N, C-alpha and C. Protein backbone atom coordinates (compact mmCIF):
# COMPACT_ATOMS: atom_id res chain seq x y z
N MET A 1 -2.86 -6.81 -17.50
CA MET A 1 -2.88 -5.42 -17.10
C MET A 1 -3.12 -5.27 -15.60
N THR A 2 -3.97 -6.13 -15.03
CA THR A 2 -4.23 -6.05 -13.60
C THR A 2 -2.95 -6.28 -12.80
N ASP A 3 -2.09 -7.18 -13.27
CA ASP A 3 -0.81 -7.41 -12.59
C ASP A 3 0.03 -6.15 -12.56
N THR A 4 0.07 -5.42 -13.67
CA THR A 4 0.84 -4.19 -13.75
C THR A 4 0.29 -3.15 -12.79
N ILE A 5 -1.01 -3.03 -12.72
CA ILE A 5 -1.65 -2.07 -11.81
C ILE A 5 -1.34 -2.45 -10.37
N ALA A 6 -1.48 -3.72 -10.04
CA ALA A 6 -1.21 -4.18 -8.68
C ALA A 6 0.24 -3.91 -8.29
N LYS A 7 1.16 -4.14 -9.21
CA LYS A 7 2.58 -3.89 -8.92
C LYS A 7 2.86 -2.41 -8.74
N LYS A 8 2.22 -1.55 -9.55
CA LYS A 8 2.42 -0.11 -9.43
C LYS A 8 1.92 0.38 -8.07
N ILE A 9 0.73 -0.04 -7.70
CA ILE A 9 0.16 0.37 -6.41
C ILE A 9 1.02 -0.15 -5.28
N GLY A 10 1.39 -1.42 -5.35
CA GLY A 10 2.22 -2.02 -4.31
C GLY A 10 3.55 -1.31 -4.14
N ASN A 11 4.17 -0.96 -5.26
CA ASN A 11 5.46 -0.27 -5.20
C ASN A 11 5.30 1.11 -4.57
N GLU A 12 4.27 1.86 -4.92
CA GLU A 12 4.04 3.18 -4.34
C GLU A 12 3.83 3.08 -2.82
N ILE A 13 3.12 2.06 -2.39
CA ILE A 13 2.89 1.87 -0.96
C ILE A 13 4.19 1.52 -0.25
N LYS A 14 4.97 0.64 -0.86
CA LYS A 14 6.25 0.25 -0.26
C LYS A 14 7.19 1.45 -0.15
N VAL A 15 7.30 2.23 -1.21
CA VAL A 15 8.16 3.41 -1.20
C VAL A 15 7.71 4.38 -0.11
N ALA A 16 6.41 4.61 -0.01
CA ALA A 16 5.89 5.53 1.01
C ALA A 16 6.14 4.99 2.42
N ARG A 17 5.98 3.68 2.60
CA ARG A 17 6.24 3.07 3.91
C ARG A 17 7.70 3.26 4.30
N GLU A 18 8.59 2.99 3.38
CA GLU A 18 10.02 3.14 3.66
C GLU A 18 10.39 4.61 3.88
N ARG A 19 9.77 5.51 3.13
CA ARG A 19 10.01 6.95 3.31
C ARG A 19 9.59 7.40 4.71
N ASN A 20 8.58 6.75 5.26
CA ASN A 20 8.10 7.06 6.61
C ASN A 20 8.83 6.24 7.68
N ASN A 21 9.87 5.53 7.26
CA ASN A 21 10.68 4.71 8.18
C ASN A 21 9.83 3.75 9.01
N LEU A 22 8.92 3.08 8.33
CA LEU A 22 8.06 2.10 8.99
C LEU A 22 8.37 0.71 8.46
N THR A 23 8.34 -0.26 9.34
CA THR A 23 8.40 -1.65 8.91
C THR A 23 6.99 -2.08 8.53
N GLN A 24 6.89 -3.21 7.86
CA GLN A 24 5.56 -3.74 7.55
C GLN A 24 4.79 -4.00 8.84
N GLN A 25 5.47 -4.49 9.85
CA GLN A 25 4.81 -4.78 11.13
C GLN A 25 4.26 -3.49 11.76
N GLN A 26 5.03 -2.43 11.73
CA GLN A 26 4.58 -1.16 12.31
C GLN A 26 3.38 -0.61 11.54
N LEU A 27 3.46 -0.66 10.21
CA LEU A 27 2.35 -0.18 9.40
C LEU A 27 1.11 -1.05 9.61
N SER A 28 1.33 -2.33 9.77
CA SER A 28 0.23 -3.25 10.04
C SER A 28 -0.54 -2.83 11.30
N LYS A 29 0.19 -2.51 12.34
CA LYS A 29 -0.45 -2.10 13.59
C LYS A 29 -1.19 -0.78 13.43
N LYS A 30 -0.61 0.16 12.70
CA LYS A 30 -1.22 1.48 12.52
C LYS A 30 -2.48 1.42 11.66
N THR A 31 -2.53 0.48 10.72
CA THR A 31 -3.64 0.41 9.77
C THR A 31 -4.64 -0.71 10.07
N ASN A 32 -4.29 -1.59 11.00
CA ASN A 32 -5.12 -2.76 11.30
C ASN A 32 -5.28 -3.65 10.06
N ILE A 33 -4.22 -3.73 9.27
CA ILE A 33 -4.13 -4.63 8.12
C ILE A 33 -3.02 -5.62 8.44
N SER A 34 -3.27 -6.90 8.22
CA SER A 34 -2.26 -7.89 8.60
C SER A 34 -0.94 -7.65 7.85
N ARG A 35 0.16 -8.01 8.50
CA ARG A 35 1.46 -7.85 7.88
C ARG A 35 1.57 -8.69 6.62
N ASN A 36 1.01 -9.89 6.64
CA ASN A 36 1.05 -10.75 5.45
C ASN A 36 0.31 -10.12 4.28
N TYR A 37 -0.83 -9.52 4.56
CA TYR A 37 -1.60 -8.87 3.49
C TYR A 37 -0.85 -7.65 2.96
N LEU A 38 -0.22 -6.87 3.85
CA LEU A 38 0.60 -5.74 3.40
C LEU A 38 1.72 -6.21 2.49
N SER A 39 2.35 -7.30 2.86
CA SER A 39 3.41 -7.85 2.03
C SER A 39 2.88 -8.23 0.65
N ASP A 40 1.71 -8.87 0.63
CA ASP A 40 1.10 -9.25 -0.65
C ASP A 40 0.76 -8.03 -1.50
N ILE A 41 0.30 -6.96 -0.86
CA ILE A 41 0.00 -5.73 -1.58
C ILE A 41 1.28 -5.16 -2.18
N GLU A 42 2.33 -5.05 -1.35
CA GLU A 42 3.59 -4.47 -1.81
C GLU A 42 4.22 -5.30 -2.94
N CYS A 43 4.00 -6.59 -2.93
CA CYS A 43 4.55 -7.46 -3.97
C CYS A 43 3.69 -7.48 -5.23
N GLY A 44 2.53 -6.82 -5.17
CA GLY A 44 1.66 -6.77 -6.34
C GLY A 44 0.78 -7.98 -6.52
N ARG A 45 0.62 -8.79 -5.46
CA ARG A 45 -0.25 -9.95 -5.55
C ARG A 45 -1.72 -9.59 -5.39
N TYR A 46 -2.00 -8.51 -4.64
CA TYR A 46 -3.38 -8.08 -4.42
C TYR A 46 -3.48 -6.57 -4.58
N ILE A 47 -4.63 -6.13 -5.02
CA ILE A 47 -4.97 -4.72 -5.03
C ILE A 47 -5.90 -4.50 -3.84
N PRO A 48 -5.52 -3.62 -2.92
CA PRO A 48 -6.37 -3.42 -1.74
C PRO A 48 -7.69 -2.76 -2.10
N SER A 49 -8.68 -2.98 -1.25
CA SER A 49 -9.98 -2.34 -1.44
C SER A 49 -9.81 -0.82 -1.32
N THR A 50 -10.80 -0.11 -1.77
CA THR A 50 -10.79 1.35 -1.67
C THR A 50 -10.66 1.78 -0.22
N GLU A 51 -11.36 1.11 0.65
CA GLU A 51 -11.30 1.43 2.09
C GLU A 51 -9.88 1.29 2.62
N LYS A 52 -9.22 0.20 2.27
CA LYS A 52 -7.85 -0.03 2.74
C LYS A 52 -6.88 0.96 2.09
N LEU A 53 -7.10 1.29 0.83
CA LEU A 53 -6.26 2.29 0.17
C LEU A 53 -6.37 3.64 0.86
N LEU A 54 -7.57 4.01 1.26
CA LEU A 54 -7.77 5.28 1.96
C LEU A 54 -7.04 5.30 3.30
N VAL A 55 -7.09 4.19 4.02
CA VAL A 55 -6.39 4.09 5.30
C VAL A 55 -4.89 4.19 5.08
N LEU A 56 -4.37 3.44 4.12
CA LEU A 56 -2.94 3.48 3.83
C LEU A 56 -2.50 4.87 3.39
N ALA A 57 -3.29 5.49 2.53
CA ALA A 57 -2.94 6.83 2.05
C ALA A 57 -2.89 7.83 3.19
N ARG A 58 -3.84 7.73 4.11
CA ARG A 58 -3.86 8.67 5.24
C ARG A 58 -2.65 8.46 6.14
N ILE A 59 -2.35 7.23 6.49
CA ILE A 59 -1.23 6.94 7.39
C ILE A 59 0.11 7.27 6.74
N LEU A 60 0.23 6.96 5.46
CA LEU A 60 1.51 7.15 4.76
C LEU A 60 1.64 8.51 4.10
N ASP A 61 0.60 9.31 4.19
CA ASP A 61 0.59 10.63 3.57
C ASP A 61 0.85 10.53 2.07
N ILE A 62 0.08 9.65 1.43
CA ILE A 62 0.17 9.44 -0.01
C ILE A 62 -0.97 10.22 -0.67
N ASP A 63 -0.65 10.92 -1.74
CA ASP A 63 -1.67 11.53 -2.57
C ASP A 63 -2.27 10.40 -3.40
N LEU A 64 -3.57 10.20 -3.28
CA LEU A 64 -4.20 9.10 -4.00
C LEU A 64 -4.03 9.21 -5.51
N ASN A 65 -3.72 10.38 -6.02
CA ASN A 65 -3.45 10.52 -7.45
C ASN A 65 -2.22 9.70 -7.87
N LEU A 66 -1.30 9.45 -6.92
CA LEU A 66 -0.13 8.61 -7.24
C LEU A 66 -0.56 7.19 -7.57
N LEU A 67 -1.70 6.79 -7.02
CA LEU A 67 -2.17 5.42 -7.22
C LEU A 67 -3.16 5.32 -8.37
N LYS A 68 -3.29 6.41 -9.11
CA LYS A 68 -4.23 6.45 -10.21
C LYS A 68 -3.89 5.36 -11.24
N ILE A 69 -4.91 4.70 -11.68
CA ILE A 69 -4.73 3.64 -12.67
C ILE A 69 -4.77 4.25 -14.05
N THR A 70 -3.63 4.10 -14.77
CA THR A 70 -3.56 4.66 -16.12
C THR A 70 -2.99 3.63 -17.06
């Protein structure tokens, strides 16, 4: 189940990043999160901490309800 959650969160972040016309490198600089870690998040390998989710949501203009675990 954790894999499914990680993939859902990662996909939402990737879609939002692309919608904002940002590369992983650009988002990395804006969020101070390494590009490699962003890639791992988008691929569903890691679930970011709450702090990092808040930063990503603010920069990408994501409603955190989209990332709700259900």
